[in-house]
Amino acid sequence: MRDLARSAIRFSWAMSVLSARQAANLVSPRDGWDRSADSFDVVSHAAVGQMGETMKGLYEAGDRFQSGMVDTMSRMFSGSWANPGKMMNETWESVGRTVSGIKGRVADSTEE
């Protein structure tokens, strides 16, 4: 029990310190944004490394969806999409692919 408490406190403290570092990085756009992105990726990969196959699949489907949404929003704000219909079609296609991926993972996990 003591080891669990120490680990939980260590994790909480590490996240607090990392958050402070990330906040400092975000206000220094020259190199800070790249350092923040790298740090977020390292922590994300470490968390995914602790997941089982089913949860990894769920994470990957959600990650694809979120990445697609960021790409969509980026295109919207860059003014490169003059066709709102096309934007909506691509957004719904992304949602459909994500839902299909999640359904497939759930079906696979029930067969295990």
PDB file of N, CA and C in Angstrom:
ATOM      1  N   MET A   1       0.824  -1.192   0.000  1.00  0.00           N
ATOM      2  CA  MET A   1       0.000   0.000   0.000  1.00  0.00           C
ATOM      3  C   MET A   1       0.870   1.258   0.000  1.00  0.00           C
ATOM      4  N   ARG A   2       1.966   1.201   0.752  1.00  0.00           N
ATOM      5  CA  ARG A   2       2.861   2.354   0.822  1.00  0.00           C
ATOM      6  C   ARG A   2       3.473   2.649  -0.546  1.00  0.00           C
ATOM      7  N   ASP A   3       3.862   1.601  -1.269  1.00  0.00           N
ATOM      8  CA  ASP A   3       4.435   1.805  -2.606  1.00  0.00           C
ATOM      9  C   ASP A   3       3.423   2.428  -3.564  1.00  0.00           C
ATOM     10  N   LEU A   4       2.173   1.984  -3.469  1.00  0.00           N
ATOM     11  CA  LEU A   4       1.127   2.562  -4.311  1.00  0.00           C
ATOM     12  C   LEU A   4       0.939   4.045  -3.993  1.00  0.00           C
ATOM     13  N   ALA A   5       0.909   4.386  -2.719  1.00  0.00           N
ATOM     14  CA  ALA A   5       0.749   5.793  -2.321  1.00  0.00           C
ATOM     15  C   ALA A   5       1.928   6.627  -2.817  1.00  0.00           C
ATOM     16  N   ARG A   6       3.127   6.128  -2.654  1.00  0.00           N
ATOM     17  CA  ARG A   6       4.312   6.852  -3.132  1.00  0.00           C
ATOM     18  C   ARG A   6       4.273   7.048  -4.645  1.00  0.00           C
ATOM     19  N   SER A   7       3.904   5.995  -5.362  1.00  0.00           N
ATOM     20  CA  SER A   7       3.837   6.085  -6.819  1.00  0.00           C
ATOM     21  C   SER A   7       2.776   7.084  -7.262  1.00  0.00           C
ATOM     22  N   ALA A   8       1.623   7.070  -6.613  1.00  0.00           N
ATOM     23  CA  ALA A   8       0.548   8.002  -6.973  1.00  0.00           C
ATOM     24  C   ALA A   8       0.980   9.445  -6.700  1.00  0.00           C
ATOM     25  N   ILE A   9       1.638   9.668  -5.586  1.00  0.00           N
ATOM     26  CA  ILE A   9       2.109  11.022  -5.259  1.00  0.00           C
ATOM     27  C   ILE A   9       3.212  11.441  -6.220  1.00  0.00           C
ATOM     28  N   ARG A  10       4.114  10.534  -6.542  1.00  0.00           N
ATOM     29  CA  ARG A  10       5.199  10.829  -7.482  1.00  0.00           C
ATOM     30  C   ARG A  10       4.626  11.197  -8.851  1.00  0.00           C
ATOM     31  N   PHE A  11       3.639  10.429  -9.299  1.00  0.00           N
ATOM     32  CA  PHE A  11       2.989  10.708 -10.576  1.00  0.00           C
ATOM     33  C   PHE A  11       2.322  12.078 -10.553  1.00  0.00           C
ATOM     34  N   SER A  12       1.597  12.356  -9.493  1.00  0.00           N
ATOM     35  CA  SER A  12       0.904  13.642  -9.376  1.00  0.00           C
ATOM     36  C   SER A  12       1.894  14.803  -9.393  1.00  0.00           C
ATOM     37  N   TRP A  13       2.989  14.663  -8.674  1.00  0.00           N
ATOM     38  CA  TRP A  13       4.004  15.720  -8.640  1.00  0.00           C
ATOM     39  C   TRP A  13       4.664  15.882 -10.010  1.00  0.00           C
ATOM     40  N   ALA A  14       4.976  14.791 -10.654  1.00  0.00           N
ATOM     41  CA  ALA A  14       5.594  14.857 -11.987  1.00  0.00           C
ATOM     42  C   ALA A  14       4.667  15.570 -12.977  1.00  0.00           C
ATOM     43  N   MET A  15       3.376  15.270 -12.921  1.00  0.00           N
ATOM     44  CA  MET A  15       2.428  15.928 -13.826  1.00  0.00           C
ATOM     45  C   MET A  15       2.330  17.422 -13.514  1.00  0.00           C
ATOM     46  N   SER A  16       2.397  17.784 -12.248  1.00  0.00           N
ATOM     47  CA  SER A  16       2.349  19.203 -11.875  1.00  0.00           C
ATOM     48  C   SER A  16       3.562  19.953 -12.405  1.00  0.00           C
ATOM     49  N   VAL A  17       4.736  19.373 -12.234  1.00  0.00           N
ATOM     50  CA  VAL A  17       5.966  20.009 -12.709  1.00  0.00           C
ATOM     51  C   VAL A  17       5.963  20.070 -14.242  1.00  0.00           C
ATOM     52  N   LEU A  18       5.547  18.985 -14.889  1.00  0.00           N
ATOM     53  CA  LEU A  18       5.468  18.982 -16.344  1.00  0.00           C
ATOM     54  C   LEU A  18       4.485  20.048 -16.832  1.00  0.00           C
ATOM     55  N   SER A  19       3.368  20.190 -16.157  1.00  0.00           N
ATOM     56  CA  SER A  19       2.388  21.210 -16.546  1.00  0.00           C
ATOM     57  C   SER A  19       2.976  22.611 -16.457  1.00  0.00           C
ATOM     58  N   ALA A  20       3.741  22.875 -15.413  1.00  0.00           N
ATOM     59  CA  ALA A  20       4.388  24.187 -15.277  1.00  0.00           C
ATOM     60  C   ALA A  20       5.373  24.409 -16.420  1.00  0.00           C
ATOM     61  N   ARG A  21       6.134  23.369 -16.740  1.00  0.00           N
ATOM     62  CA  ARG A  21       7.084  23.481 -17.853  1.00  0.00           C
ATOM     63  C   ARG A  21       6.357  23.731 -19.174  1.00  0.00           C
ATOM     64  N   GLN A  22       5.257  23.006 -19.386  1.00  0.00           N
ATOM     65  CA  GLN A  22       4.496  23.174 -20.622  1.00  0.00           C
ATOM     66  C   GLN A  22       3.919  24.588 -20.717  1.00  0.00           C
ATOM     67  N   ALA A  23       3.455  25.123 -19.612  1.00  0.00           N
ATOM     68  CA  ALA A  23       2.923  26.489 -19.614  1.00  0.00           C
ATOM     69  C   ALA A  23       4.011  27.476 -20.011  1.00  0.00           C
ATOM     70  N   ALA A  24       5.215  27.285 -19.486  1.00  0.00           N
ATOM     71  CA  ALA A  24       6.332  28.158 -19.854  1.00  0.00           C
ATOM     72  C   ALA A  24       6.677  28.006 -21.337  1.00  0.00           C
ATOM     73  N   ASN A  25       6.645  26.780 -21.835  1.00  0.00           N
ATOM     74  CA  ASN A  25       6.937  26.542 -23.254  1.00  0.00           C
ATOM     75  C   ASN A  25       5.915  27.211 -24.163  1.00  0.00           C
ATOM     76  N   LEU A  26       4.669  27.202 -23.758  1.00  0.00           N
ATOM     77  CA  LEU A  26       3.610  27.744 -24.609  1.00  0.00           C
ATOM     78  C   LEU A  26       3.684  29.262 -24.762  1.00  0.00           C
ATOM     79  N   VAL A  27       4.338  29.937 -23.832  1.00  0.00           N
ATOM     80  CA  VAL A  27       4.462  31.392 -23.965  1.00  0.00           C
ATOM     81  C   VAL A  27       5.754  31.791 -24.670  1.00  0.00           C
ATOM     82  N   SER A  28       6.556  30.821 -25.060  1.00  0.00           N
ATOM     83  CA  SER A  28       7.761  31.119 -25.846  1.00  0.00           C
ATOM     84  C   SER A  28       7.662  30.383 -27.179  1.00  0.00           C
ATOM     85  N   PRO A  29       6.928  30.981 -28.140  1.00  0.00           N
ATOM     86  CA  PRO A  29       6.612  30.263 -29.370  1.00  0.00           C
ATOM     87  C   PRO A  29       7.789  29.883 -30.253  1.00  0.00           C
ATOM     88  N   ARG A  30       8.954  30.480 -30.076  1.00  0.00           N
ATOM     89  CA  ARG A  30      10.062  30.128 -30.979  1.00  0.00           C
ATOM     90  C   ARG A  30      10.369  28.642 -30.938  1.00  0.00           C
ATOM     91  N   ASP A  31      10.792  28.163 -29.799  1.00  0.00           N
ATOM     92  CA  ASP A  31      11.118  26.733 -29.656  1.00  0.00           C
ATOM     93  C   ASP A  31      10.149  26.029 -28.720  1.00  0.00           C
ATOM     94  N   GLY A  32       9.452  26.803 -27.918  1.00  0.00           N
ATOM     95  CA  GLY A  32       8.614  26.226 -26.872  1.00  0.00           C
ATOM     96  C   GLY A  32       7.513  25.338 -27.391  1.00  0.00           C
ATOM     97  N   TRP A  33       6.903  25.715 -28.497  1.00  0.00           N
ATOM     98  CA  TRP A  33       5.799  24.904 -29.008  1.00  0.00           C
ATOM     99  C   TRP A  33       6.287  23.538 -29.467  1.00  0.00           C
ATOM    100  N   ASP A  34       7.454  23.498 -30.095  1.00  0.00           N
ATOM    101  CA  ASP A  34       8.004  22.193 -30.509  1.00  0.00           C
ATOM    102  C   ASP A  34       8.368  21.349 -29.294  1.00  0.00           C
ATOM    103  N   ARG A  35       8.960  21.988 -28.271  1.00  0.00           N
ATOM    104  CA  ARG A  35       9.295  21.245 -27.049  1.00  0.00           C
ATOM    105  C   ARG A  35       8.030  20.720 -26.383  1.00  0.00           C
ATOM    106  N   SER A  36       6.977  21.537 -26.372  1.00  0.00           N
ATOM    107  CA  SER A  36       5.716  21.086 -25.778  1.00  0.00           C
ATOM    108  C   SER A  36       5.150  19.901 -26.545  1.00  0.00           C
ATOM    109  N   ALA A  37       5.136  19.993 -27.857  1.00  0.00           N
ATOM    110  CA  ALA A  37       4.619  18.897 -28.677  1.00  0.00           C
ATOM    111  C   ALA A  37       5.413  17.616 -28.413  1.00  0.00           C
ATOM    112  N   ASP A  38       6.743  17.743 -28.351  1.00  0.00           N
ATOM    113  CA  ASP A  38       7.580  16.571 -28.081  1.00  0.00           C
ATOM    114  C   ASP A  38       7.267  15.970 -26.711  1.00  0.00           C
ATOM    115  N   SER A  39       7.117  16.825 -25.701  1.00  0.00           N
ATOM    116  CA  SER A  39       6.811  16.339 -24.351  1.00  0.00           C
ATOM    117  C   SER A  39       5.457  15.645 -24.302  1.00  0.00           C
ATOM    118  N   PHE A  40       4.455  16.255 -24.940  1.00  0.00           N
ATOM    119  CA  PHE A  40       3.141  15.621 -24.970  1.00  0.00           C
ATOM    120  C   PHE A  40       3.214  14.262 -25.638  1.00  0.00           C
ATOM    121  N   ASP A  41       3.972  14.157 -26.722  1.00  0.00           N
ATOM    122  CA  ASP A  41       4.107  12.877 -27.426  1.00  0.00           C
ATOM    123  C   ASP A  41       4.772  11.821 -26.548  1.00  0.00           C
ATOM    124  N   VAL A  42       5.821  12.199 -25.833  1.00  0.00           N
ATOM    125  CA  VAL A  42       6.531  11.246 -24.973  1.00  0.00           C
ATOM    126  C   VAL A  42       5.596  10.708 -23.889  1.00  0.00           C
ATOM    127  N   VAL A  43       4.854  11.615 -23.249  1.00  0.00           N
ATOM    128  CA  VAL A  43       3.937  11.192 -22.185  1.00  0.00           C
ATOM    129  C   VAL A  43       2.811  10.332 -22.755  1.00  0.00           C
ATOM    130  N   SER A  44       2.286  10.715 -23.912  1.00  0.00           N
ATOM    131  CA  SER A  44       1.222   9.929 -24.547  1.00  0.00           C
ATOM    132  C   SER A  44       1.707   8.522 -24.877  1.00  0.00           C
ATOM    133  N   HIS A  45       2.905   8.417 -25.453  1.00  0.00           N
ATOM    134  CA  HIS A  45       3.447   7.097 -25.802  1.00  0.00           C
ATOM    135  C   HIS A  45       3.674   6.251 -24.554  1.00  0.00           C
ATOM    136  N   ALA A  46       4.125   6.881 -23.469  1.00  0.00           N
ATOM    137  CA  ALA A  46       4.323   6.132 -22.222  1.00  0.00           C
ATOM    138  C   ALA A  46       2.989   5.599 -21.692  1.00  0.00           C
ATOM    139  N   ALA A  47       1.948   6.425 -21.770  1.00  0.00           N
ATOM    140  CA  ALA A  47       0.627   5.989 -21.302  1.00  0.00           C
ATOM    141  C   ALA A  47       0.093   4.849 -22.180  1.00  0.00           C
ATOM    142  N   VAL A  48       0.242   4.985 -23.481  1.00  0.00           N
ATOM    143  CA  VAL A  48      -0.235   3.943 -24.397  1.00  0.00           C
ATOM    144  C   VAL A  48       0.521   2.639 -24.147  1.00  0.00           C
ATOM    145  N   GLY A  49       1.787   2.747 -23.787  1.00  0.00           N
ATOM    146  CA  GLY A  49       2.580   1.559 -23.494  1.00  0.00           C
ATOM    147  C   GLY A  49       2.062   0.761 -22.308  1.00  0.00           C
ATOM    148  N   GLN A  50       1.243   1.366 -21.480  1.00  0.00           N
ATOM    149  CA  GLN A  50       0.678   0.689 -20.314  1.00  0.00           C
ATOM    150  C   GLN A  50      -0.682   0.050 -20.612  1.00  0.00           C
ATOM    151  N   MET A  51      -1.173   0.214 -21.835  1.00  0.00           N
ATOM    152  CA  MET A  51      -2.507  -0.279 -22.188  1.00  0.00           C
ATOM    153  C   MET A  51      -2.441  -1.670 -22.794  1.00  0.00           C
ATOM    154  N   GLY A  52      -3.533  -2.396 -22.642  1.00  0.00           N
ATOM    155  CA  GLY A  52      -3.698  -3.672 -23.330  1.00  0.00           C
ATOM    156  C   GLY A  52      -4.081  -3.407 -24.782  1.00  0.00           C
ATOM    157  N   GLU A  53      -4.147  -4.463 -25.560  1.00  0.00           N
ATOM    158  CA  GLU A  53      -4.416  -4.320 -26.995  1.00  0.00           C
ATOM    159  C   GLU A  53      -5.773  -3.671 -27.289  1.00  0.00           C
ATOM    160  N   THR A  54      -6.803  -4.056 -26.552  1.00  0.00           N
ATOM    161  CA  THR A  54      -8.131  -3.483 -26.790  1.00  0.00           C
ATOM    162  C   THR A  54      -8.133  -1.995 -26.513  1.00  0.00           C
ATOM    163  N   MET A  55      -7.554  -1.592 -25.390  1.00  0.00           N
ATOM    164  CA  MET A  55      -7.515  -0.167 -25.041  1.00  0.00           C
ATOM    165  C   MET A  55      -6.625   0.608 -26.010  1.00  0.00           C
ATOM    166  N   LYS A  56      -5.555  -0.014 -26.479  1.00  0.00           N
ATOM    167  CA  LYS A  56      -4.716   0.640 -27.487  1.00  0.00           C
ATOM    168  C   LYS A  56      -5.508   0.912 -28.756  1.00  0.00           C
ATOM    169  N   GLY A  57      -6.307  -0.047 -29.159  1.00  0.00           N
ATOM    170  CA  GLY A  57      -7.141   0.128 -30.348  1.00  0.00           C
ATOM    171  C   GLY A  57      -8.136   1.262 -30.165  1.00  0.00           C
ATOM    172  N   LEU A  58      -8.731   1.322 -29.002  1.00  0.00           N
ATOM    173  CA  LEU A  58      -9.668   2.396 -28.700  1.00  0.00           C
ATOM    174  C   LEU A  58      -8.954   3.740 -28.706  1.00  0.00           C
ATOM    175  N   TYR A  59      -7.779   3.773 -28.099  1.00  0.00           N
ATOM    176  CA  TYR A  59      -6.977   5.001 -28.087  1.00  0.00           C
ATOM    177  C   TYR A  59      -6.642   5.427 -29.517  1.00  0.00           C
ATOM    178  N   GLU A  60      -6.196   4.485 -30.338  1.00  0.00           N
ATOM    179  CA  GLU A  60      -5.798   4.814 -31.714  1.00  0.00           C
ATOM    180  C   GLU A  60      -6.968   5.349 -32.521  1.00  0.00           C
ATOM    181  N   ALA A  61      -8.158   4.759 -32.345  1.00  0.00           N
ATOM    182  CA  ALA A  61      -9.334   5.249 -33.062  1.00  0.00           C
ATOM    183  C   ALA A  61      -9.658   6.677 -32.627  1.00  0.00           C
ATOM    184  N   GLY A  62      -9.638   6.932 -31.336  1.00  0.00           N
ATOM    185  CA  GLY A  62      -9.891   8.282 -30.841  1.00  0.00           C
ATOM    186  C   GLY A  62      -8.825   9.264 -31.284  1.00  0.00           C
ATOM    187  N   ASP A  63      -7.584   8.803 -31.326  1.00  0.00           N
ATOM    188  CA  ASP A  63      -6.483   9.666 -31.754  1.00  0.00           C
ATOM    189  C   ASP A  63      -6.640  10.064 -33.221  1.00  0.00           C
ATOM    190  N   ARG A  64      -7.028   9.094 -34.060  1.00  0.00           N
ATOM    191  CA  ARG A  64      -7.260   9.410 -35.470  1.00  0.00           C
ATOM    192  C   ARG A  64      -8.392  10.426 -35.617  1.00  0.00           C
ATOM    193  N   PHE A  65      -9.448  10.232 -34.830  1.00  0.00           N
ATOM    194  CA  PHE A  65     -10.576  11.156 -34.885  1.00  0.00           C
ATOM    195  C   PHE A  65     -10.143  12.563 -34.464  1.00  0.00           C
ATOM    196  N   GLN A  66      -9.454  12.655 -33.333  1.00  0.00           N
ATOM    197  CA  GLN A  66      -9.022  13.966 -32.853  1.00  0.00           C
ATOM    198  C   GLN A  66      -8.059  14.630 -33.835  1.00  0.00           C
ATOM    199  N   SER A  67      -7.144  13.858 -34.378  1.00  0.00           N
ATOM    200  CA  SER A  67      -6.212  14.420 -35.357  1.00  0.00           C
ATOM    201  C   SER A  67      -6.948  14.923 -36.583  1.00  0.00           C
ATOM    202  N   GLY A  68      -7.950  14.167 -37.018  1.00  0.00           N
ATOM    203  CA  GLY A  68      -8.758  14.594 -38.155  1.00  0.00           C
ATOM    204  C   GLY A  68      -9.502  15.884 -37.864  1.00  0.00           C
ATOM    205  N   MET A  69     -10.000  16.017 -36.639  1.00  0.00           N
ATOM    206  CA  MET A  69     -10.714  17.237 -36.266  1.00  0.00           C
ATOM    207  C   MET A  69      -9.761  18.436 -36.224  1.00  0.00           C
ATOM    208  N   VAL A  70      -8.550  18.230 -35.726  1.00  0.00           N
ATOM    209  CA  VAL A  70      -7.561  19.316 -35.712  1.00  0.00           C
ATOM    210  C   VAL A  70      -7.229  19.724 -37.141  1.00  0.00           C
ATOM    211  N   ASP A  71      -7.045  18.745 -38.025  1.00  0.00           N
ATOM    212  CA  ASP A  71      -6.775  19.052 -39.434  1.00  0.00           C
ATOM    213  C   ASP A  71      -7.928  19.819 -40.060  1.00  0.00           C
ATOM    214  N   THR A  72      -9.159  19.386 -39.752  1.00  0.00           N
ATOM    215  CA  THR A  72     -10.344  20.053 -40.287  1.00  0.00           C
ATOM    216  C   THR A  72     -10.401  21.504 -39.829  1.00  0.00           C
ATOM    217  N   MET A  73     -10.223  21.712 -38.543  1.00  0.00           N
ATOM    218  CA  MET A  73     -10.275  23.074 -38.006  1.00  0.00           C
ATOM    219  C   MET A  73      -9.149  23.927 -38.582  1.00  0.00           C
ATOM    220  N   SER A  74      -7.999  23.342 -38.736  1.00  0.00           N
ATOM    221  CA  SER A  74      -6.865  24.071 -39.299  1.00  0.00           C
ATOM    222  C   SER A  74      -7.169  24.535 -40.724  1.00  0.00           C
ATOM    223  N   ARG A  75      -7.759  23.641 -41.516  1.00  0.00           N
ATOM    224  CA  ARG A  75      -8.122  24.002 -42.882  1.00  0.00           C
ATOM    225  C   ARG A  75      -9.195  25.082 -42.907  1.00  0.00           C
ATOM    226  N   MET A  76     -10.135  24.986 -41.977  1.00  0.00           N
ATOM    227  CA  MET A  76     -11.206  25.985 -41.931  1.00  0.00           C
ATOM    228  C   MET A  76     -10.631  27.376 -41.659  1.00  0.00           C
ATOM    229  N   PHE A  77      -9.729  27.453 -40.694  1.00  0.00           N
ATOM    230  CA  PHE A  77      -9.192  28.750 -40.309  1.00  0.00           C
ATOM    231  C   PHE A  77      -8.134  29.266 -41.265  1.00  0.00           C
ATOM    232  N   SER A  78      -7.577  28.384 -42.077  1.00  0.00           N
ATOM    233  CA  SER A  78      -6.581  28.839 -43.044  1.00  0.00           C
ATOM    234  C   SER A  78      -7.247  29.406 -44.298  1.00  0.00           C
ATOM    235  N   GLY A  79      -8.546  29.232 -44.401  1.00  0.00           N
ATOM    236  CA  GLY A  79      -9.274  29.757 -45.550  1.00  0.00           C
ATOM    237  C   GLY A  79      -9.126  28.922 -46.807  1.00  0.00           C
ATOM    238  N   SER A  80      -8.541  27.729 -46.678  1.00  0.00           N
ATOM    239  CA  SER A  80      -8.328  26.905 -47.866  1.00  0.00           C
ATOM    240  C   SER A  80      -9.588  26.166 -48.303  1.00  0.00           C
ATOM    241  N   TRP A  81     -10.616  26.161 -47.479  1.00  0.00           N
ATOM    242  CA  TRP A  81     -11.856  25.480 -47.837  1.00  0.00           C
ATOM    243  C   TRP A  81     -12.924  26.516 -48.151  1.00  0.00           C
ATOM    244  N   ALA A  82     -13.162  26.699 -49.398  1.00  0.00           N
ATOM    245  CA  ALA A  82     -14.204  27.633 -49.794  1.00  0.00           C
ATOM    246  C   ALA A  82     -15.533  26.922 -49.945  1.00  0.00           C
ATOM    247  N   ASN A  83     -15.524  25.602 -49.823  1.00  0.00           N
ATOM    248  CA  ASN A  83     -16.717  24.801 -50.049  1.00  0.00           C
ATOM    249  C   ASN A  83     -17.169  24.163 -48.729  1.00  0.00           C
ATOM    250  N   PRO A  84     -18.147  24.751 -48.040  1.00  0.00           N
ATOM    251  CA  PRO A  84     -18.602  24.196 -46.762  1.00  0.00           C
ATOM    252  C   PRO A  84     -19.159  22.781 -46.884  1.00  0.00           C
ATOM    253  N   GLY A  85     -19.784  22.455 -48.015  1.00  0.00           N
ATOM    254  CA  GLY A  85     -20.310  21.107 -48.218  1.00  0.00           C
ATOM    255  C   GLY A  85     -19.198  20.073 -48.198  1.00  0.00           C
ATOM    256  N   LYS A  86     -18.108  20.387 -48.869  1.00  0.00           N
ATOM    257  CA  LYS A  86     -16.952  19.475 -48.887  1.00  0.00           C
ATOM    258  C   LYS A  86     -16.400  19.300 -47.478  1.00  0.00           C
ATOM    259  N   MET A  87     -16.325  20.410 -46.738  1.00  0.00           N
ATOM    260  CA  MET A  87     -15.816  20.352 -45.372  1.00  0.00           C
ATOM    261  C   MET A  87     -16.675  19.410 -44.533  1.00  0.00           C
ATOM    262  N   MET A  88     -18.000  19.542 -44.629  1.00  0.00           N
ATOM    263  CA  MET A  88     -18.893  18.698 -43.838  1.00  0.00           C
ATOM    264  C   MET A  88     -18.777  17.233 -44.260  1.00  0.00           C
ATOM    265  N   ASN A  89     -18.688  16.979 -45.561  1.00  0.00           N
ATOM    266  CA  ASN A  89     -18.537  15.598 -46.028  1.00  0.00           C
ATOM    267  C   ASN A  89     -17.275  14.957 -45.478  1.00  0.00           C
ATOM    268  N   GLU A  90     -16.166  15.672 -45.541  1.00  0.00           N
ATOM    269  CA  GLU A  90     -14.909  15.122 -45.036  1.00  0.00           C
ATOM    270  C   GLU A  90     -14.962  14.918 -43.528  1.00  0.00           C
ATOM    271  N   THR A  91     -15.624  15.829 -42.820  1.00  0.00           N
ATOM    272  CA  THR A  91     -15.754  15.685 -41.375  1.00  0.00           C
ATOM    273  C   THR A  91     -16.565  14.439 -41.041  1.00  0.00           C
ATOM    274  N   TRP A  92     -17.699  14.240 -41.712  1.00  0.00           N
ATOM    275  CA  TRP A  92     -18.530  13.072 -41.432  1.00  0.00           C
ATOM    276  C   TRP A  92     -17.845  11.781 -41.845  1.00  0.00           C
ATOM    277  N   GLU A  93     -17.042  11.817 -42.898  1.00  0.00           N
ATOM    278  CA  GLU A  93     -16.273  10.627 -43.286  1.00  0.00           C
ATOM    279  C   GLU A  93     -15.283  10.267 -42.180  1.00  0.00           C
ATOM    280  N   SER A  94     -14.648  11.271 -41.614  1.00  0.00           N
ATOM    281  CA  SER A  94     -13.715  11.040 -40.511  1.00  0.00           C
ATOM    282  C   SER A  94     -14.434  10.444 -39.307  1.00  0.00           C
ATOM    283  N   VAL A  95     -15.595  10.979 -38.977  1.00  0.00           N
ATOM    284  CA  VAL A  95     -16.385  10.449 -37.864  1.00  0.00           C
ATOM    285  C   VAL A  95     -16.772   8.997 -38.146  1.00  0.00           C
ATOM    286  N   GLY A  96     -17.216   8.724 -39.365  1.00  0.00           N
ATOM    287  CA  GLY A  96     -17.605   7.368 -39.731  1.00  0.00           C
ATOM    288  C   GLY A  96     -16.461   6.371 -39.614  1.00  0.00           C
ATOM    289  N   ARG A  97     -15.272   6.766 -40.072  1.00  0.00           N
ATOM    290  CA  ARG A  97     -14.108   5.882 -39.963  1.00  0.00           C
ATOM    291  C   ARG A  97     -13.779   5.608 -38.497  1.00  0.00           C
ATOM    292  N   THR A  98     -13.881   6.626 -37.662  1.00  0.00           N
ATOM    293  CA  THR A  98     -13.578   6.454 -36.243  1.00  0.00           C
ATOM    294  C   THR A  98     -14.577   5.524 -35.583  1.00  0.00           C
ATOM    295  N   VAL A  99     -15.862   5.739 -35.838  1.00  0.00           N
ATOM    296  CA  VAL A  99     -16.897   4.889 -35.246  1.00  0.00           C
ATOM    297  C   VAL A  99     -16.725   3.449 -35.712  1.00  0.00           C
ATOM    298  N   SER A 100     -16.422   3.241 -36.986  1.00  0.00           N
ATOM    299  CA  SER A 100     -16.198   1.884 -37.494  1.00  0.00           C
ATOM    300  C   SER A 100     -15.008   1.235 -36.803  1.00  0.00           C
ATOM    301  N   GLY A 101     -13.944   2.010 -36.602  1.00  0.00           N
ATOM    302  CA  GLY A 101     -12.768   1.475 -35.924  1.00  0.00           C
ATOM    303  C   GLY A 101     -13.065   1.089 -34.488  1.00  0.00           C
ATOM    304  N   ILE A 102     -13.849   1.921 -33.793  1.00  0.00           N
ATOM    305  CA  ILE A 102     -14.205   1.614 -32.405  1.00  0.00           C
ATOM    306  C   ILE A 102     -15.100   0.380 -32.353  1.00  0.00           C
ATOM    307  N   LYS A 103     -16.084   0.297 -33.248  1.00  0.00           N
ATOM    308  CA  LYS A 103     -16.965  -0.875 -33.282  1.00  0.00           C
ATOM    309  C   LYS A 103     -16.161  -2.143 -33.524  1.00  0.00           C
ATOM    310  N   GLY A 104     -15.195  -2.075 -34.446  1.00  0.00           N
ATOM    311  CA  GLY A 104     -14.358  -3.235 -34.732  1.00  0.00           C
ATOM    312  C   GLY A 104     -13.555  -3.668 -33.522  1.00  0.00           C
ATOM    313  N   ARG A 105     -13.006  -2.694 -32.793  1.00  0.00           N
ATOM    314  CA  ARG A 105     -12.228  -3.022 -31.598  1.00  0.00           C
ATOM    315  C   ARG A 105     -13.102  -3.625 -30.510  1.00  0.00           C
ATOM    316  N   VAL A 106     -14.290  -3.088 -30.342  1.00  0.00           N
ATOM    317  CA  VAL A 106     -15.206  -3.628 -29.332  1.00  0.00           C
ATOM    318  C   VAL A 106     -15.601  -5.046 -29.711  1.00  0.00           C
ATOM    319  N   ALA A 107     -15.897  -5.285 -30.984  1.00  0.00           N
ATOM    320  CA  ALA A 107     -16.256  -6.629 -31.435  1.00  0.00           C
ATOM    321  C   ALA A 107     -15.092  -7.588 -31.225  1.00  0.00           C
ATOM    322  N   ASP A 108     -13.865  -7.142 -31.537  1.00  0.00           N
ATOM    323  CA  ASP A 108     -12.687  -7.996 -31.346  1.00  0.00           C
ATOM    324  C   ASP A 108     -12.488  -8.338 -29.878  1.00  0.00           C
ATOM    325  N   SER A 109     -12.742  -7.360 -28.996  1.00  0.00           N
ATOM    326  CA  SER A 109     -12.504  -7.594 -27.569  1.00  0.00           C
ATOM    327  C   SER A 109     -13.521  -8.553 -26.977  1.00  0.00           C
ATOM    328  N   THR A 110     -14.732  -8.595 -27.534  1.00  0.00           N
ATOM    329  CA  THR A 110     -15.732  -9.520 -27.005  1.00  0.00           C
ATOM    330  C   THR A 110     -15.460 -10.948 -27.464  1.00  0.00           C
ATOM    331  N   GLU A 111     -14.687 -11.099 -28.543  1.00  0.00           N
ATOM    332  CA  GLU A 111     -14.347 -12.438 -29.039  1.00  0.00           C
ATOM    333  C   GLU A 111     -13.152 -13.025 -28.317  1.00  0.00           C
ATOM    334  N   GLU A 112     -12.370 -12.171 -27.618  1.00  0.00           N
ATOM    335  CA  GLU A 112     -11.152 -12.661 -26.954  1.00  0.00           C
ATOM    336  C   GLU A 112     -11.471 -13.504 -25.747  1.00  0.00           C
TER     337      GLU A 112
END
